[in-house]
């Protein structure tokens, strides 16, 4: 059985300053069936090449959006990417079936601990609740929403735990 070709859309401003997302992206790039596409490297002034992005999506069966989850959402460039790339007639609406049947995943990192992301926790809601807009997007464009890969507490994450998480991320991307 061949592995699905996976596209990791990395959306991390100032990646060089990120210990966690930089390490996860490097591990993903080392996998043969995974393409890592860094939006901030390709579009530092937010001019997205829609045709290029759509071709990348068509060439992969699984798309995983990797980003730090702050302010209960994604970095600004990802919102713009969704607005410009997932167009009516291409990704949804009349004739918009280009992504139907593909898989849609999230790989999130949070500064706060896991306990902060649950009912009664500091943030009052679970990650699964806070990521509903992404699931709705996946549904609208006909993709299958996968369980998310979430790495919590990254501000204080020891190196040994980061390396364990890197292994889990590799499994997430290739299973």
C-alpha atoms as a PDB file:
ATOM      1  CA  UNK A   1       0.000   0.000   0.000  1.00  0.00           C
ATOM      2  CA  UNK A   2       1.435   3.374  -0.947  1.00  0.00           C
ATOM      3  CA  UNK A   3       1.429   6.300   1.429  1.00  0.00           C
ATOM      4  CA  UNK A   4      -0.768   9.264   0.646  1.00  0.00           C
ATOM      5  CA  UNK A   5       1.136  12.240  -0.636  1.00  0.00           C
ATOM      6  CA  UNK A   6       0.904  14.818   2.116  1.00  0.00           C
ATOM      7  CA  UNK A   7       1.260  18.561   1.770  1.00  0.00           C
ATOM      8  CA  UNK A   8       2.186  20.379   4.979  1.00  0.00           C
ATOM      9  CA  UNK A   9       1.267  24.017   4.646  1.00  0.00           C
ATOM     10  CA  UNK A  10       3.514  25.626   7.231  1.00  0.00           C
ATOM     11  CA  UNK A  11       2.258  28.973   8.463  1.00  0.00           C
ATOM     12  CA  UNK A  12       4.658  30.318  11.081  1.00  0.00           C
ATOM     13  CA  UNK A  13       5.813  33.939  10.976  1.00  0.00           C
ATOM     14  CA  UNK A  14       9.515  34.225  11.864  1.00  0.00           C
ATOM     15  CA  UNK A  15      10.092  30.484  11.618  1.00  0.00           C
ATOM     16  CA  UNK A  16      13.766  30.940  12.492  1.00  0.00           C
ATOM     17  CA  UNK A  17      12.663  32.089  15.964  1.00  0.00           C
ATOM     18  CA  UNK A  18      10.516  29.006  16.538  1.00  0.00           C
ATOM     19  CA  UNK A  19      12.133  26.051  18.253  1.00  0.00           C
ATOM     20  CA  UNK A  20       9.022  23.851  17.996  1.00  0.00           C
ATOM     21  CA  UNK A  21       7.485  24.556  14.569  1.00  0.00           C
ATOM     22  CA  UNK A  22      10.928  24.683  12.948  1.00  0.00           C
ATOM     23  CA  UNK A  23      11.769  21.241  14.390  1.00  0.00           C
ATOM     24  CA  UNK A  24       8.401  19.755  13.411  1.00  0.00           C
ATOM     25  CA  UNK A  25       8.726  21.139   9.876  1.00  0.00           C
ATOM     26  CA  UNK A  26      12.249  19.742   9.516  1.00  0.00           C
ATOM     27  CA  UNK A  27      11.040  16.310  10.589  1.00  0.00           C
ATOM     28  CA  UNK A  28       8.146  16.504   8.119  1.00  0.00           C
ATOM     29  CA  UNK A  29      10.471  17.528   5.291  1.00  0.00           C
ATOM     30  CA  UNK A  30      12.633  14.458   5.952  1.00  0.00           C
ATOM     31  CA  UNK A  31       9.695  12.152   5.170  1.00  0.00           C
ATOM     32  CA  UNK A  32       9.621  10.937   1.577  1.00  0.00           C
ATOM     33  CA  UNK A  33       5.877  11.283   1.056  1.00  0.00           C
ATOM     34  CA  UNK A  34       5.620  14.785   2.553  1.00  0.00           C
ATOM     35  CA  UNK A  35       6.062  18.195   0.936  1.00  0.00           C
ATOM     36  CA  UNK A  36       6.530  21.131   3.312  1.00  0.00           C
ATOM     37  CA  UNK A  37       5.366  24.448   1.891  1.00  0.00           C
ATOM     38  CA  UNK A  38       6.258  27.491   4.019  1.00  0.00           C
ATOM     39  CA  UNK A  39       3.757  30.251   3.225  1.00  0.00           C
ATOM     40  CA  UNK A  40       5.669  33.049   4.976  1.00  0.00           C
ATOM     41  CA  UNK A  41       8.852  32.154   3.066  1.00  0.00           C
ATOM     42  CA  UNK A  42       7.021  32.131  -0.270  1.00  0.00           C
ATOM     43  CA  UNK A  43       4.771  35.118   0.398  1.00  0.00           C
ATOM     44  CA  UNK A  44       6.539  37.525   2.785  1.00  0.00           C
ATOM     45  CA  UNK A  45       4.490  40.445   1.430  1.00  0.00           C
ATOM     46  CA  UNK A  46       1.226  38.458   1.320  1.00  0.00           C
ATOM     47  CA  UNK A  47       0.937  38.177  -2.489  1.00  0.00           C
ATOM     48  CA  UNK A  48      -0.350  34.630  -2.871  1.00  0.00           C
ATOM     49  CA  UNK A  49       0.093  32.858  -6.220  1.00  0.00           C
ATOM     50  CA  UNK A  50      -3.360  31.258  -6.374  1.00  0.00           C
ATOM     51  CA  UNK A  51      -2.672  29.069  -9.421  1.00  0.00           C
ATOM     52  CA  UNK A  52       0.525  27.684  -7.855  1.00  0.00           C
ATOM     53  CA  UNK A  53      -1.277  26.951  -4.585  1.00  0.00           C
ATOM     54  CA  UNK A  54      -4.167  25.212  -6.321  1.00  0.00           C
ATOM     55  CA  UNK A  55      -1.752  23.028  -8.309  1.00  0.00           C
ATOM     56  CA  UNK A  56      -0.023  22.040  -5.064  1.00  0.00           C
ATOM     57  CA  UNK A  57      -3.353  21.063  -3.533  1.00  0.00           C
ATOM     58  CA  UNK A  58      -4.287  18.979  -6.567  1.00  0.00           C
ATOM     59  CA  UNK A  59      -0.968  17.099  -6.405  1.00  0.00           C
ATOM     60  CA  UNK A  60      -1.553  15.820  -2.858  1.00  0.00           C
ATOM     61  CA  UNK A  61      -4.149  13.594  -1.206  1.00  0.00           C
ATOM     62  CA  UNK A  62      -3.733  14.991   2.309  1.00  0.00           C
ATOM     63  CA  UNK A  63      -3.232  18.603   3.385  1.00  0.00           C
ATOM     64  CA  UNK A  64      -2.044  19.432   6.900  1.00  0.00           C
ATOM     65  CA  UNK A  65      -1.965  23.032   8.057  1.00  0.00           C
ATOM     66  CA  UNK A  66       0.824  23.468  10.614  1.00  0.00           C
ATOM     67  CA  UNK A  67       0.812  26.649  12.679  1.00  0.00           C
ATOM     68  CA  UNK A  68       0.982  28.101  16.186  1.00  0.00           C
ATOM     69  CA  UNK A  69      -2.516  28.435  17.574  1.00  0.00           C
ATOM     70  CA  UNK A  70      -2.655  31.882  19.069  1.00  0.00           C
ATOM     71  CA  UNK A  71      -5.559  34.206  19.676  1.00  0.00           C
ATOM     72  CA  UNK A  72      -7.704  31.113  19.070  1.00  0.00           C
ATOM     73  CA  UNK A  73      -6.924  31.100  15.377  1.00  0.00           C
ATOM     74  CA  UNK A  74      -4.231  30.896  12.719  1.00  0.00           C
ATOM     75  CA  UNK A  75      -1.690  33.470  11.556  1.00  0.00           C
ATOM     76  CA  UNK A  76      -3.084  36.119   9.203  1.00  0.00           C
ATOM     77  CA  UNK A  77      -1.479  34.728   6.060  1.00  0.00           C
ATOM     78  CA  UNK A  78      -3.443  31.495   6.384  1.00  0.00           C
ATOM     79  CA  UNK A  79      -6.748  33.360   6.527  1.00  0.00           C
ATOM     80  CA  UNK A  80      -5.754  35.251   3.384  1.00  0.00           C
ATOM     81  CA  UNK A  81      -4.660  31.980   1.768  1.00  0.00           C
ATOM     82  CA  UNK A  82      -8.086  30.438   2.460  1.00  0.00           C
ATOM     83  CA  UNK A  83      -9.842  33.533   1.064  1.00  0.00           C
ATOM     84  CA  UNK A  84      -7.828  33.591  -2.151  1.00  0.00           C
ATOM     85  CA  UNK A  85      -7.063  29.929  -2.904  1.00  0.00           C
ATOM     86  CA  UNK A  86     -10.300  28.178  -1.944  1.00  0.00           C
ATOM     87  CA  UNK A  87     -12.384  29.940  -4.564  1.00  0.00           C
ATOM     88  CA  UNK A  88     -16.006  29.519  -5.566  1.00  0.00           C
ATOM     89  CA  UNK A  89     -16.262  27.246  -8.578  1.00  0.00           C
ATOM     90  CA  UNK A  90     -12.930  25.603  -7.757  1.00  0.00           C
ATOM     91  CA  UNK A  91     -13.081  24.506  -4.101  1.00  0.00           C
ATOM     92  CA  UNK A  92     -16.807  24.886  -3.419  1.00  0.00           C
ATOM     93  CA  UNK A  93     -20.079  25.942  -5.005  1.00  0.00           C
ATOM     94  CA  UNK A  94     -21.169  25.172  -8.551  1.00  0.00           C
ATOM     95  CA  UNK A  95     -18.400  23.057 -10.084  1.00  0.00           C
ATOM     96  CA  UNK A  96     -16.195  23.533  -7.036  1.00  0.00           C
ATOM     97  CA  UNK A  97     -15.215  19.946  -6.406  1.00  0.00           C
ATOM     98  CA  UNK A  98     -11.447  19.940  -6.927  1.00  0.00           C
ATOM     99  CA  UNK A  99     -10.657  18.942  -3.341  1.00  0.00           C
ATOM    100  CA  UNK A 100     -13.466  16.462  -2.760  1.00  0.00           C
ATOM    101  CA  UNK A 101     -12.299  13.294  -1.060  1.00  0.00           C
ATOM    102  CA  UNK A 102      -8.937  14.673   0.055  1.00  0.00           C
ATOM    103  CA  UNK A 103      -7.964  14.855   3.734  1.00  0.00           C
ATOM    104  CA  UNK A 104      -7.673  18.049   5.805  1.00  0.00           C
ATOM    105  CA  UNK A 105      -5.616  18.095   9.002  1.00  0.00           C
ATOM    106  CA  UNK A 106      -4.368  20.583  11.557  1.00  0.00           C
ATOM    107  CA  UNK A 107      -1.013  20.472  13.342  1.00  0.00           C
ATOM    108  CA  UNK A 108      -1.206  23.011  16.133  1.00  0.00           C
ATOM    109  CA  UNK A 109       1.157  24.204  18.807  1.00  0.00           C
ATOM    110  CA  UNK A 110      -0.026  26.110  21.859  1.00  0.00           C
ATOM    111  CA  UNK A 111       1.889  28.020  24.486  1.00  0.00           C
ATOM    112  CA  UNK A 112      -0.538  26.983  27.204  1.00  0.00           C
ATOM    113  CA  UNK A 113      -0.807  23.506  28.714  1.00  0.00           C
ATOM    114  CA  UNK A 114      -3.393  20.963  27.646  1.00  0.00           C
ATOM    115  CA  UNK A 115      -5.449  21.624  30.794  1.00  0.00           C
ATOM    116  CA  UNK A 116      -5.991  25.208  29.620  1.00  0.00           C
ATOM    117  CA  UNK A 117      -7.878  23.946  26.565  1.00  0.00           C
ATOM    118  CA  UNK A 118     -10.910  22.247  28.072  1.00  0.00           C
ATOM    119  CA  UNK A 119     -14.256  23.163  29.583  1.00  0.00           C
ATOM    120  CA  UNK A 120     -13.482  24.854  32.877  1.00  0.00           C
ATOM    121  CA  UNK A 121      -9.863  25.452  31.894  1.00  0.00           C
ATOM    122  CA  UNK A 122      -8.144  28.785  31.458  1.00  0.00           C
ATOM    123  CA  UNK A 123      -9.387  29.165  27.855  1.00  0.00           C
ATOM    124  CA  UNK A 124     -12.816  27.645  28.685  1.00  0.00           C
ATOM    125  CA  UNK A 125     -13.030  25.586  25.491  1.00  0.00           C
ATOM    126  CA  UNK A 126     -11.421  22.479  24.083  1.00  0.00           C
ATOM    127  CA  UNK A 127      -9.234  22.705  20.982  1.00  0.00           C
ATOM    128  CA  UNK A 128     -11.883  20.696  19.108  1.00  0.00           C
ATOM    129  CA  UNK A 129     -14.396  23.470  19.827  1.00  0.00           C
ATOM    130  CA  UNK A 130     -12.015  26.298  18.982  1.00  0.00           C
ATOM    131  CA  UNK A 131     -11.115  24.715  15.644  1.00  0.00           C
ATOM    132  CA  UNK A 132     -14.722  24.298  14.428  1.00  0.00           C
ATOM    133  CA  UNK A 133     -14.256  26.977  11.705  1.00  0.00           C
ATOM    134  CA  UNK A 134     -11.509  24.821  10.163  1.00  0.00           C
ATOM    135  CA  UNK A 135     -13.753  21.776  10.287  1.00  0.00           C
ATOM    136  CA  UNK A 136     -16.549  23.782   8.654  1.00  0.00           C
ATOM    137  CA  UNK A 137     -14.129  24.849   5.912  1.00  0.00           C
ATOM    138  CA  UNK A 138     -13.140  21.233   5.363  1.00  0.00           C
ATOM    139  CA  UNK A 139     -16.803  20.237   5.109  1.00  0.00           C
ATOM    140  CA  UNK A 140     -17.615  23.048   2.673  1.00  0.00           C
ATOM    141  CA  UNK A 141     -14.834  22.096   0.283  1.00  0.00           C
ATOM    142  CA  UNK A 142     -15.579  18.368   0.463  1.00  0.00           C
ATOM    143  CA  UNK A 143     -12.508  17.270   2.370  1.00  0.00           C
ATOM    144  CA  UNK A 144     -12.435  14.748   5.210  1.00  0.00           C
ATOM    145  CA  UNK A 145     -11.450  16.443   8.472  1.00  0.00           C
ATOM    146  CA  UNK A 146      -8.832  14.467  10.375  1.00  0.00           C
ATOM    147  CA  UNK A 147      -8.221  14.464  14.117  1.00  0.00           C
ATOM    148  CA  UNK A 148      -5.782  17.267  14.902  1.00  0.00           C
ATOM    149  CA  UNK A 149      -2.181  16.896  15.988  1.00  0.00           C
ATOM    150  CA  UNK A 150      -1.812  19.225  18.981  1.00  0.00           C
ATOM    151  CA  UNK A 151       1.352  19.974  20.894  1.00  0.00           C
ATOM    152  CA  UNK A 152       0.529  21.951  24.030  1.00  0.00           C
ATOM    153  CA  UNK A 153       2.751  23.884  26.407  1.00  0.00           C
ATOM    154  CA  UNK A 154       5.504  24.576  23.894  1.00  0.00           C
ATOM    155  CA  UNK A 155       6.906  27.558  25.805  1.00  0.00           C
ATOM    156  CA  UNK A 156       8.238  25.243  28.511  1.00  0.00           C
ATOM    157  CA  UNK A 157       8.509  21.967  26.594  1.00  0.00           C
ATOM    158  CA  UNK A 158      11.731  20.102  27.459  1.00  0.00           C
ATOM    159  CA  UNK A 159      13.886  18.970  24.521  1.00  0.00           C
ATOM    160  CA  UNK A 160      13.230  15.283  25.301  1.00  0.00           C
ATOM    161  CA  UNK A 161       9.469  15.822  25.053  1.00  0.00           C
ATOM    162  CA  UNK A 162       9.892  17.787  21.840  1.00  0.00           C
ATOM    163  CA  UNK A 163      11.775  14.855  20.298  1.00  0.00           C
ATOM    164  CA  UNK A 164       8.989  12.472  21.341  1.00  0.00           C
ATOM    165  CA  UNK A 165       6.462  14.850  19.770  1.00  0.00           C
ATOM    166  CA  UNK A 166       8.495  14.932  16.556  1.00  0.00           C
ATOM    167  CA  UNK A 167       8.135  11.153  16.326  1.00  0.00           C
ATOM    168  CA  UNK A 168       4.381  11.370  16.935  1.00  0.00           C
ATOM    169  CA  UNK A 169       4.122  14.070  14.260  1.00  0.00           C
ATOM    170  CA  UNK A 170       5.922  11.880  11.731  1.00  0.00           C
ATOM    171  CA  UNK A 171       3.422   9.101  12.492  1.00  0.00           C
ATOM    172  CA  UNK A 172       0.504  11.551  12.166  1.00  0.00           C
ATOM    173  CA  UNK A 173       1.732  12.664   8.737  1.00  0.00           C
ATOM    174  CA  UNK A 174       2.306   9.171   7.373  1.00  0.00           C
ATOM    175  CA  UNK A 175      -0.529   7.079   8.844  1.00  0.00           C
END
